[in-house]
């Protein structure tokens, strides 16, 4: 979740940029990110499966393109937060680190 496009959108929207274009990750800047107390089993299981695929692909070759799988995770996170298409377009319009 903390490596999702949604989290980066949050950090870019609420945090501040340090010298060199880096964002601060102090607890005070991460704590306000709303993490649901419960995550539906389907979303949890789907994300775990995709993360395992990504880990396997990277273990085989660090250069493997995992962007398709990262997009699947982002879609799962968007559904967790019940984001609509307008929200998703706004989130994805920011540069993803």
PDB file of N, CA and C in Angstrom:
ATOM      1  N   UNK A   1       0.829  -1.191   0.000  1.00  0.00           N
ATOM      2  CA  UNK A   1       0.000   0.000   0.000  1.00  0.00           C
ATOM      3  C   UNK A   1       0.873   1.255   0.000  1.00  0.00           C
ATOM      4  N   UNK A   2       1.934   1.234   0.772  1.00  0.00           N
ATOM      5  CA  UNK A   2       2.796   2.408   0.861  1.00  0.00           C
ATOM      6  C   UNK A   2       3.695   2.563  -0.364  1.00  0.00           C
ATOM      7  N   UNK A   3       3.644   1.619  -1.274  1.00  0.00           N
ATOM      8  CA  UNK A   3       4.380   1.751  -2.531  1.00  0.00           C
ATOM      9  C   UNK A   3       3.415   1.938  -3.699  1.00  0.00           C
ATOM     10  N   UNK A   4       2.180   2.292  -3.390  1.00  0.00           N
ATOM     11  CA  UNK A   4       1.170   2.460  -4.436  1.00  0.00           C
ATOM     12  C   UNK A   4       1.181   3.877  -4.998  1.00  0.00           C
ATOM     13  N   UNK A   5       0.585   4.010  -6.157  1.00  0.00           N
ATOM     14  CA  UNK A   5       0.433   5.322  -6.785  1.00  0.00           C
ATOM     15  C   UNK A   5      -0.356   6.250  -5.865  1.00  0.00           C
ATOM     16  N   UNK A   6      -1.352   5.709  -5.160  1.00  0.00           N
ATOM     17  CA  UNK A   6      -2.173   6.516  -4.257  1.00  0.00           C
ATOM     18  C   UNK A   6      -1.332   7.114  -3.130  1.00  0.00           C
ATOM     19  N   UNK A   7      -0.454   6.314  -2.547  1.00  0.00           N
ATOM     20  CA  UNK A   7       0.389   6.832  -1.472  1.00  0.00           C
ATOM     21  C   UNK A   7       1.322   7.922  -1.988  1.00  0.00           C
ATOM     22  N   UNK A   8       1.911   7.716  -3.176  1.00  0.00           N
ATOM     23  CA  UNK A   8       2.795   8.736  -3.744  1.00  0.00           C
ATOM     24  C   UNK A   8       2.036  10.019  -4.025  1.00  0.00           C
ATOM     25  N   UNK A   9       0.802   9.883  -4.483  1.00  0.00           N
ATOM     26  CA  UNK A   9      -0.033  11.062  -4.696  1.00  0.00           C
ATOM     27  C   UNK A   9      -0.215  11.809  -3.372  1.00  0.00           C
ATOM     28  N   UNK A  10      -0.498  11.059  -2.328  1.00  0.00           N
ATOM     29  CA  UNK A  10      -0.673  11.643  -0.995  1.00  0.00           C
ATOM     30  C   UNK A  10       0.592  12.387  -0.549  1.00  0.00           C
ATOM     31  N   UNK A  11       1.747  11.730  -0.664  1.00  0.00           N
ATOM     32  CA  UNK A  11       3.006  12.342  -0.242  1.00  0.00           C
ATOM     33  C   UNK A  11       3.301  13.590  -1.065  1.00  0.00           C
ATOM     34  N   UNK A  12       3.095  13.506  -2.367  1.00  0.00           N
ATOM     35  CA  UNK A  12       3.369  14.654  -3.231  1.00  0.00           C
ATOM     36  C   UNK A  12       2.398  15.803  -2.970  1.00  0.00           C
ATOM     37  N   UNK A  13       1.204  15.480  -2.514  1.00  0.00           N
ATOM     38  CA  UNK A  13       0.186  16.503  -2.273  1.00  0.00           C
ATOM     39  C   UNK A  13       0.277  17.114  -0.884  1.00  0.00           C
ATOM     40  N   UNK A  14       0.801  16.375   0.085  1.00  0.00           N
ATOM     41  CA  UNK A  14       0.775  16.850   1.469  1.00  0.00           C
ATOM     42  C   UNK A  14       2.158  17.098   2.060  1.00  0.00           C
ATOM     43  N   UNK A  15       3.176  16.477   1.495  1.00  0.00           N
ATOM     44  CA  UNK A  15       4.524  16.619   2.041  1.00  0.00           C
ATOM     45  C   UNK A  15       5.254  17.782   1.422  1.00  0.00           C
ATOM     46  N   UNK A  16       6.516  17.841   1.676  1.00  0.00           N
ATOM     47  CA  UNK A  16       7.321  18.877   1.053  1.00  0.00           C
ATOM     48  C   UNK A  16       8.563  18.248   0.449  1.00  0.00           C
ATOM     49  N   UNK A  17       9.089  18.941  -0.553  1.00  0.00           N
ATOM     50  CA  UNK A  17      10.237  18.439  -1.294  1.00  0.00           C
ATOM     51  C   UNK A  17      11.519  18.931  -0.637  1.00  0.00           C
ATOM     52  N   UNK A  18      12.408  18.006  -0.405  1.00  0.00           N
ATOM     53  CA  UNK A  18      13.726  18.332   0.131  1.00  0.00           C
ATOM     54  C   UNK A  18      14.668  18.679  -1.021  1.00  0.00           C
ATOM     55  N   UNK A  19      15.830  19.157  -0.676  1.00  0.00           N
ATOM     56  CA  UNK A  19      16.831  19.464  -1.688  1.00  0.00           C
ATOM     57  C   UNK A  19      17.094  18.223  -2.534  1.00  0.00           C
ATOM     58  N   UNK A  20      17.193  18.420  -3.813  1.00  0.00           N
ATOM     59  CA  UNK A  20      17.446  17.306  -4.726  1.00  0.00           C
ATOM     60  C   UNK A  20      16.171  16.635  -5.209  1.00  0.00           C
ATOM     61  N   UNK A  21      15.002  17.145  -4.810  1.00  0.00           N
ATOM     62  CA  UNK A  21      13.738  16.587  -5.278  1.00  0.00           C
ATOM     63  C   UNK A  21      13.227  15.400  -4.486  1.00  0.00           C
ATOM     64  N   UNK A  22      13.792  15.162  -3.329  1.00  0.00           N
ATOM     65  CA  UNK A  22      13.359  14.049  -2.493  1.00  0.00           C
ATOM     66  C   UNK A  22      12.221  14.487  -1.570  1.00  0.00           C
ATOM     67  N   UNK A  23      11.374  13.530  -1.220  1.00  0.00           N
ATOM     68  CA  UNK A  23      10.270  13.811  -0.299  1.00  0.00           C
ATOM     69  C   UNK A  23      10.629  13.311   1.099  1.00  0.00           C
ATOM     70  N   UNK A  24      10.113  13.994   2.093  1.00  0.00           N
ATOM     71  CA  UNK A  24      10.367  13.585   3.469  1.00  0.00           C
ATOM     72  C   UNK A  24       9.423  12.443   3.863  1.00  0.00           C
ATOM     73  N   UNK A  25       9.951  11.487   4.590  1.00  0.00           N
ATOM     74  CA  UNK A  25       9.164  10.338   5.029  1.00  0.00           C
ATOM     75  C   UNK A  25       9.169  10.205   6.542  1.00  0.00           C
ATOM     76  N   UNK A  26       9.198  11.310   7.221  1.00  0.00           N
ATOM     77  CA  UNK A  26       9.108  11.279   8.670  1.00  0.00           C
ATOM     78  C   UNK A  26       7.713  10.798   9.052  1.00  0.00           C
ATOM     79  N   UNK A  27       7.616  10.228  10.215  1.00  0.00           N
ATOM     80  CA  UNK A  27       6.364   9.673  10.707  1.00  0.00           C
ATOM     81  C   UNK A  27       5.211  10.668  10.623  1.00  0.00           C
ATOM     82  N   UNK A  28       5.476  11.919  10.935  1.00  0.00           N
ATOM     83  CA  UNK A  28       4.420  12.935  10.910  1.00  0.00           C
ATOM     84  C   UNK A  28       3.809  13.117   9.526  1.00  0.00           C
ATOM     85  N   UNK A  29       4.540  12.766   8.477  1.00  0.00           N
ATOM     86  CA  UNK A  29       4.039  12.914   7.117  1.00  0.00           C
ATOM     87  C   UNK A  29       3.374  11.648   6.600  1.00  0.00           C
ATOM     88  N   UNK A  30       3.716  10.525   7.195  1.00  0.00           N
ATOM     89  CA  UNK A  30       3.124   9.250   6.760  1.00  0.00           C
ATOM     90  C   UNK A  30       1.874   8.913   7.567  1.00  0.00           C
ATOM     91  N   UNK A  31       1.872   9.205   8.863  1.00  0.00           N
ATOM     92  CA  UNK A  31       0.737   8.862   9.733  1.00  0.00           C
ATOM     93  C   UNK A  31      -0.628   9.330   9.233  1.00  0.00           C
ATOM     94  N   UNK A  32      -0.742  10.515   8.627  1.00  0.00           N
ATOM     95  CA  UNK A  32      -2.075  10.946   8.181  1.00  0.00           C
ATOM     96  C   UNK A  32      -2.638  10.130   7.012  1.00  0.00           C
ATOM     97  N   UNK A  33      -1.804   9.328   6.354  1.00  0.00           N
ATOM     98  CA  UNK A  33      -2.310   8.511   5.244  1.00  0.00           C
ATOM     99  C   UNK A  33      -3.303   7.500   5.806  1.00  0.00           C
ATOM    100  N   UNK A  34      -4.545   7.542   5.338  1.00  0.00           N
ATOM    101  CA  UNK A  34      -5.583   6.685   5.913  1.00  0.00           C
ATOM    102  C   UNK A  34      -5.463   5.229   5.438  1.00  0.00           C
ATOM    103  N   UNK A  35      -5.161   4.355   6.349  1.00  0.00           N
ATOM    104  CA  UNK A  35      -5.108   2.928   6.039  1.00  0.00           C
ATOM    105  C   UNK A  35      -6.322   2.276   6.686  1.00  0.00           C
ATOM    106  N   UNK A  36      -7.149   1.600   5.874  1.00  0.00           N
ATOM    107  CA  UNK A  36      -8.350   0.964   6.436  1.00  0.00           C
ATOM    108  C   UNK A  36      -7.998  -0.041   7.530  1.00  0.00           C
ATOM    109  N   UNK A  37      -8.856  -0.104   8.526  1.00  0.00           N
ATOM    110  CA  UNK A  37      -8.639  -1.059   9.622  1.00  0.00           C
ATOM    111  C   UNK A  37      -8.785  -2.496   9.149  1.00  0.00           C
ATOM    112  N   UNK A  38      -9.678  -2.704   8.202  1.00  0.00           N
ATOM    113  CA  UNK A  38      -9.841  -4.039   7.621  1.00  0.00           C
ATOM    114  C   UNK A  38      -9.726  -3.928   6.104  1.00  0.00           C
ATOM    115  N   UNK A  39      -9.113  -4.937   5.538  1.00  0.00           N
ATOM    116  CA  UNK A  39      -8.965  -5.013   4.091  1.00  0.00           C
ATOM    117  C   UNK A  39      -9.685  -6.281   3.645  1.00  0.00           C
ATOM    118  N   UNK A  40     -10.612  -6.145   2.685  1.00  0.00           N
ATOM    119  CA  UNK A  40     -11.329  -7.337   2.218  1.00  0.00           C
ATOM    120  C   UNK A  40     -10.355  -8.426   1.765  1.00  0.00           C
ATOM    121  N   UNK A  41     -10.701  -9.653   2.083  1.00  0.00           N
ATOM    122  CA  UNK A  41      -9.827 -10.790   1.793  1.00  0.00           C
ATOM    123  C   UNK A  41      -9.465 -10.876   0.317  1.00  0.00           C
ATOM    124  N   UNK A  42     -10.395 -10.589  -0.569  1.00  0.00           N
ATOM    125  CA  UNK A  42     -10.112 -10.677  -2.006  1.00  0.00           C
ATOM    126  C   UNK A  42      -9.030  -9.684  -2.407  1.00  0.00           C
ATOM    127  N   UNK A  43      -9.138  -8.452  -1.945  1.00  0.00           N
ATOM    128  CA  UNK A  43      -8.118  -7.450  -2.275  1.00  0.00           C
ATOM    129  C   UNK A  43      -6.775  -7.867  -1.681  1.00  0.00           C
ATOM    130  N   UNK A  44      -6.781  -8.282  -0.430  1.00  0.00           N
ATOM    131  CA  UNK A  44      -5.551  -8.736   0.232  1.00  0.00           C
ATOM    132  C   UNK A  44      -4.909  -9.872  -0.556  1.00  0.00           C
ATOM    133  N   UNK A  45      -5.684 -10.890  -0.865  1.00  0.00           N
ATOM    134  CA  UNK A  45      -5.154 -12.059  -1.562  1.00  0.00           C
ATOM    135  C   UNK A  45      -4.660 -11.710  -2.958  1.00  0.00           C
ATOM    136  N   UNK A  46      -5.405 -10.861  -3.675  1.00  0.00           N
ATOM    137  CA  UNK A  46      -4.995 -10.453  -5.020  1.00  0.00           C
ATOM    138  C   UNK A  46      -3.666  -9.713  -4.990  1.00  0.00           C
ATOM    139  N   UNK A  47      -3.515  -8.803  -4.052  1.00  0.00           N
ATOM    140  CA  UNK A  47      -2.265  -8.039  -3.958  1.00  0.00           C
ATOM    141  C   UNK A  47      -1.104  -8.960  -3.585  1.00  0.00           C
ATOM    142  N   UNK A  48      -1.319  -9.865  -2.660  1.00  0.00           N
ATOM    143  CA  UNK A  48      -0.259 -10.813  -2.264  1.00  0.00           C
ATOM    144  C   UNK A  48       0.187 -11.643  -3.462  1.00  0.00           C
ATOM    145  N   UNK A  49      -0.761 -12.128  -4.263  1.00  0.00           N
ATOM    146  CA  UNK A  49      -0.410 -12.923  -5.450  1.00  0.00           C
ATOM    147  C   UNK A  49       0.440 -12.112  -6.418  1.00  0.00           C
ATOM    148  N   UNK A  50       0.033 -10.878  -6.672  1.00  0.00           N
ATOM    149  CA  UNK A  50       0.765 -10.038  -7.621  1.00  0.00           C
ATOM    150  C   UNK A  50       2.150  -9.691  -7.078  1.00  0.00           C
ATOM    151  N   UNK A  51       2.250  -9.394  -5.800  1.00  0.00           N
ATOM    152  CA  UNK A  51       3.557  -9.101  -5.204  1.00  0.00           C
ATOM    153  C   UNK A  51       4.477 -10.313  -5.340  1.00  0.00           C
ATOM    154  N   UNK A  52       3.955 -11.499  -5.126  1.00  0.00           N
ATOM    155  CA  UNK A  52       4.780 -12.709  -5.274  1.00  0.00           C
ATOM    156  C   UNK A  52       5.249 -12.887  -6.714  1.00  0.00           C
ATOM    157  N   UNK A  53       4.393 -12.566  -7.680  1.00  0.00           N
ATOM    158  CA  UNK A  53       4.796 -12.629  -9.088  1.00  0.00           C
ATOM    159  C   UNK A  53       5.929 -11.642  -9.346  1.00  0.00           C
ATOM    160  N   UNK A  54       5.768 -10.417  -8.828  1.00  0.00           N
ATOM    161  CA  UNK A  54       6.807  -9.398  -9.004  1.00  0.00           C
ATOM    162  C   UNK A  54       8.127  -9.859  -8.386  1.00  0.00           C
ATOM    163  N   UNK A  55       8.071 -10.398  -7.185  1.00  0.00           N
ATOM    164  CA  UNK A  55       9.291 -10.873  -6.525  1.00  0.00           C
ATOM    165  C   UNK A  55       9.962 -11.988  -7.322  1.00  0.00           C
ATOM    166  N   UNK A  56       9.159 -12.912  -7.841  1.00  0.00           N
ATOM    167  CA  UNK A  56       9.709 -14.000  -8.664  1.00  0.00           C
ATOM    168  C   UNK A  56      10.353 -13.454  -9.933  1.00  0.00           C
ATOM    169  N   UNK A  57       9.676 -12.516 -10.587  1.00  0.00           N
ATOM    170  CA  UNK A  57      10.218 -11.935 -11.819  1.00  0.00           C
ATOM    171  C   UNK A  57      11.530 -11.207 -11.560  1.00  0.00           C
ATOM    172  N   UNK A  58      11.579 -10.445 -10.481  1.00  0.00           N
ATOM    173  CA  UNK A  58      12.794  -9.702 -10.151  1.00  0.00           C
ATOM    174  C   UNK A  58      13.922 -10.639  -9.719  1.00  0.00           C
ATOM    175  N   UNK A  59      13.577 -11.764  -9.098  1.00  0.00           N
ATOM    176  CA  UNK A  59      14.596 -12.739  -8.710  1.00  0.00           C
ATOM    177  C   UNK A  59      15.232 -13.377  -9.949  1.00  0.00           C
ATOM    178  N   UNK A  60      14.418 -13.548 -10.986  1.00  0.00           N
ATOM    179  CA  UNK A  60      14.927 -14.126 -12.234  1.00  0.00           C
ATOM    180  C   UNK A  60      15.804 -13.126 -12.981  1.00  0.00           C
ATOM    181  N   UNK A  61      15.342 -11.867 -13.010  1.00  0.00           N
ATOM    182  CA  UNK A  61      16.079 -10.835 -13.731  1.00  0.00           C
ATOM    183  C   UNK A  61      15.623  -9.475 -13.215  1.00  0.00           C
ATOM    184  N   UNK A  62      16.514  -8.763 -12.589  1.00  0.00           N
ATOM    185  CA  UNK A  62      16.179  -7.471 -11.980  1.00  0.00           C
ATOM    186  C   UNK A  62      15.646  -6.481 -13.016  1.00  0.00           C
ATOM    187  N   UNK A  63      15.960  -6.688 -14.277  1.00  0.00           N
ATOM    188  CA  UNK A  63      15.533  -5.781 -15.349  1.00  0.00           C
ATOM    189  C   UNK A  63      14.132  -6.087 -15.881  1.00  0.00           C
ATOM    190  N   UNK A  64      13.490  -7.139 -15.394  1.00  0.00           N
ATOM    191  CA  UNK A  64      12.146  -7.482 -15.884  1.00  0.00           C
ATOM    192  C   UNK A  64      11.189  -6.312 -15.674  1.00  0.00           C
ATOM    193  N   UNK A  65      10.350  -6.073 -16.678  1.00  0.00           N
ATOM    194  CA  UNK A  65       9.349  -5.005 -16.615  1.00  0.00           C
ATOM    195  C   UNK A  65       8.155  -5.492 -15.786  1.00  0.00           C
ATOM    196  N   UNK A  66       7.918  -4.816 -14.675  1.00  0.00           N
ATOM    197  CA  UNK A  66       6.823  -5.212 -13.787  1.00  0.00           C
ATOM    198  C   UNK A  66       5.690  -4.195 -13.791  1.00  0.00           C
ATOM    199  N   UNK A  67       5.724  -3.244 -14.721  1.00  0.00           N
ATOM    200  CA  UNK A  67       4.743  -2.153 -14.723  1.00  0.00           C
ATOM    201  C   UNK A  67       3.300  -2.663 -14.815  1.00  0.00           C
ATOM    202  N   UNK A  68       3.081  -3.723 -15.582  1.00  0.00           N
ATOM    203  CA  UNK A  68       1.733  -4.285 -15.691  1.00  0.00           C
ATOM    204  C   UNK A  68       1.236  -4.773 -14.324  1.00  0.00           C
ATOM    205  N   UNK A  69       2.121  -5.366 -13.568  1.00  0.00           N
ATOM    206  CA  UNK A  69       1.748  -5.887 -12.256  1.00  0.00           C
ATOM    207  C   UNK A  69       1.590  -4.767 -11.229  1.00  0.00           C
ATOM    208  N   UNK A  70       2.408  -3.733 -11.352  1.00  0.00           N
ATOM    209  CA  UNK A  70       2.241  -2.567 -10.483  1.00  0.00           C
ATOM    210  C   UNK A  70       0.872  -1.917 -10.740  1.00  0.00           C
ATOM    211  N   UNK A  71       0.465  -1.878 -11.993  1.00  0.00           N
ATOM    212  CA  UNK A  71      -0.855  -1.331 -12.323  1.00  0.00           C
ATOM    213  C   UNK A  71      -1.973  -2.152 -11.697  1.00  0.00           C
ATOM    214  N   UNK A  72      -1.806  -3.469 -11.660  1.00  0.00           N
ATOM    215  CA  UNK A  72      -2.821  -4.325 -11.019  1.00  0.00           C
ATOM    216  C   UNK A  72      -2.919  -4.014  -9.528  1.00  0.00           C
ATOM    217  N   UNK A  73      -1.785  -3.813  -8.889  1.00  0.00           N
ATOM    218  CA  UNK A  73      -1.798  -3.462  -7.462  1.00  0.00           C
ATOM    219  C   UNK A  73      -2.477  -2.121  -7.271  1.00  0.00           C
ATOM    220  N   UNK A  74      -2.134  -1.143  -8.092  1.00  0.00           N
ATOM    221  CA  UNK A  74      -2.762   0.173  -7.980  1.00  0.00           C
ATOM    222  C   UNK A  74      -4.274   0.080  -8.139  1.00  0.00           C
ATOM    223  N   UNK A  75      -4.742  -0.715  -9.090  1.00  0.00           N
ATOM    224  CA  UNK A  75      -6.191  -0.874  -9.279  1.00  0.00           C
ATOM    225  C   UNK A  75      -6.845  -1.479  -8.034  1.00  0.00           C
ATOM    226  N   UNK A  76      -6.177  -2.422  -7.416  1.00  0.00           N
ATOM    227  CA  UNK A  76      -6.709  -3.015  -6.182  1.00  0.00           C
ATOM    228  C   UNK A  76      -6.783  -1.979  -5.069  1.00  0.00           C
ATOM    229  N   UNK A  77      -5.749  -1.147  -4.957  1.00  0.00           N
ATOM    230  CA  UNK A  77      -5.731  -0.105  -3.926  1.00  0.00           C
ATOM    231  C   UNK A  77      -6.818   0.921  -4.209  1.00  0.00           C
ATOM    232  N   UNK A  78      -6.992   1.288  -5.478  1.00  0.00           N
ATOM    233  CA  UNK A  78      -8.065   2.238  -5.828  1.00  0.00           C
ATOM    234  C   UNK A  78      -9.431   1.681  -5.428  1.00  0.00           C
ATOM    235  N   UNK A  79      -9.641   0.403  -5.666  1.00  0.00           N
ATOM    236  CA  UNK A  79     -10.940  -0.192  -5.311  1.00  0.00           C
ATOM    237  C   UNK A  79     -11.125  -0.242  -3.796  1.00  0.00           C
ATOM    238  N   UNK A  80     -10.031  -0.439  -3.065  1.00  0.00           N
ATOM    239  CA  UNK A  80     -10.092  -0.445  -1.604  1.00  0.00           C
ATOM    240  C   UNK A  80     -10.607   0.891  -1.073  1.00  0.00           C
ATOM    241  N   UNK A  81     -10.223   1.967  -1.729  1.00  0.00           N
ATOM    242  CA  UNK A  81     -10.623   3.309  -1.306  1.00  0.00           C
ATOM    243  C   UNK A  81     -11.856   3.830  -2.066  1.00  0.00           C
ATOM    244  N   UNK A  82     -12.462   2.956  -2.869  1.00  0.00           N
ATOM    245  CA  UNK A  82     -13.665   3.308  -3.637  1.00  0.00           C
ATOM    246  C   UNK A  82     -13.474   4.572  -4.481  1.00  0.00           C
ATOM    247  N   UNK A  83     -12.328   4.662  -5.134  1.00  0.00           N
ATOM    248  CA  UNK A  83     -12.041   5.826  -5.963  1.00  0.00           C
ATOM    249  C   UNK A  83     -12.756   5.708  -7.305  1.00  0.00           C
ATOM    250  N   UNK A  84     -13.240   6.841  -7.790  1.00  0.00           N
ATOM    251  CA  UNK A  84     -13.891   6.828  -9.104  1.00  0.00           C
ATOM    252  C   UNK A  84     -12.865   7.208 -10.179  1.00  0.00           C
ATOM    253  N   UNK A  85     -13.299   7.145 -11.428  1.00  0.00           N
ATOM    254  CA  UNK A  85     -12.392   7.382 -12.547  1.00  0.00           C
ATOM    255  C   UNK A  85     -11.766   8.777 -12.500  1.00  0.00           C
ATOM    256  N   UNK A  86     -12.527   9.766 -12.078  1.00  0.00           N
ATOM    257  CA  UNK A  86     -12.006  11.140 -11.971  1.00  0.00           C
ATOM    258  C   UNK A  86     -10.848  11.195 -10.969  1.00  0.00           C
ATOM    259  N   UNK A  87     -11.025  10.542  -9.817  1.00  0.00           N
ATOM    260  CA  UNK A  87      -9.972  10.499  -8.798  1.00  0.00           C
ATOM    261  C   UNK A  87      -8.717   9.804  -9.336  1.00  0.00           C
ATOM    262  N   UNK A  88      -8.930   8.697 -10.020  1.00  0.00           N
ATOM    263  CA  UNK A  88      -7.815   7.911 -10.540  1.00  0.00           C
ATOM    264  C   UNK A  88      -7.024   8.711 -11.571  1.00  0.00           C
ATOM    265  N   UNK A  89      -7.730   9.422 -12.445  1.00  0.00           N
ATOM    266  CA  UNK A  89      -7.052  10.252 -13.448  1.00  0.00           C
ATOM    267  C   UNK A  89      -6.204  11.320 -12.759  1.00  0.00           C
ATOM    268  N   UNK A  90      -6.734  11.934 -11.712  1.00  0.00           N
ATOM    269  CA  UNK A  90      -5.976  12.954 -10.982  1.00  0.00           C
ATOM    270  C   UNK A  90      -4.745  12.351 -10.320  1.00  0.00           C
ATOM    271  N   UNK A  91      -4.905  11.207  -9.693  1.00  0.00           N
ATOM    272  CA  UNK A  91      -3.803  10.536  -9.013  1.00  0.00           C
ATOM    273  C   UNK A  91      -2.708  10.176 -10.017  1.00  0.00           C
ATOM    274  N   UNK A  92      -3.114   9.630 -11.139  1.00  0.00           N
ATOM    275  CA  UNK A  92      -2.135   9.164 -12.123  1.00  0.00           C
ATOM    276  C   UNK A  92      -1.534  10.302 -12.950  1.00  0.00           C
ATOM    277  N   UNK A  93      -2.080  11.504 -12.789  1.00  0.00           N
ATOM    278  CA  UNK A  93      -1.519  12.637 -13.535  1.00  0.00           C
ATOM    279  C   UNK A  93      -0.219  13.146 -12.909  1.00  0.00           C
ATOM    280  N   UNK A  94      -0.015  12.857 -11.625  1.00  0.00           N
ATOM    281  CA  UNK A  94       1.236  13.255 -10.972  1.00  0.00           C
ATOM    282  C   UNK A  94       2.341  12.273 -11.336  1.00  0.00           C
ATOM    283  N   UNK A  95       3.546  12.748 -11.322  1.00  0.00           N
ATOM    284  CA  UNK A  95       4.679  11.882 -11.594  1.00  0.00           C
ATOM    285  C   UNK A  95       4.824  10.868 -10.493  1.00  0.00           C
ATOM    286  N   UNK A  96       4.877   9.620 -10.871  1.00  0.00           N
ATOM    287  CA  UNK A  96       5.068   8.535  -9.924  1.00  0.00           C
ATOM    288  C   UNK A  96       6.553   8.304  -9.779  1.00  0.00           C
ATOM    289  N   UNK A  97       7.024   8.318  -8.562  1.00  0.00           N
ATOM    290  CA  UNK A  97       8.464   8.157  -8.295  1.00  0.00           C
ATOM    291  C   UNK A  97       8.867   6.728  -8.570  1.00  0.00           C
TER     292      UNK A  97
END
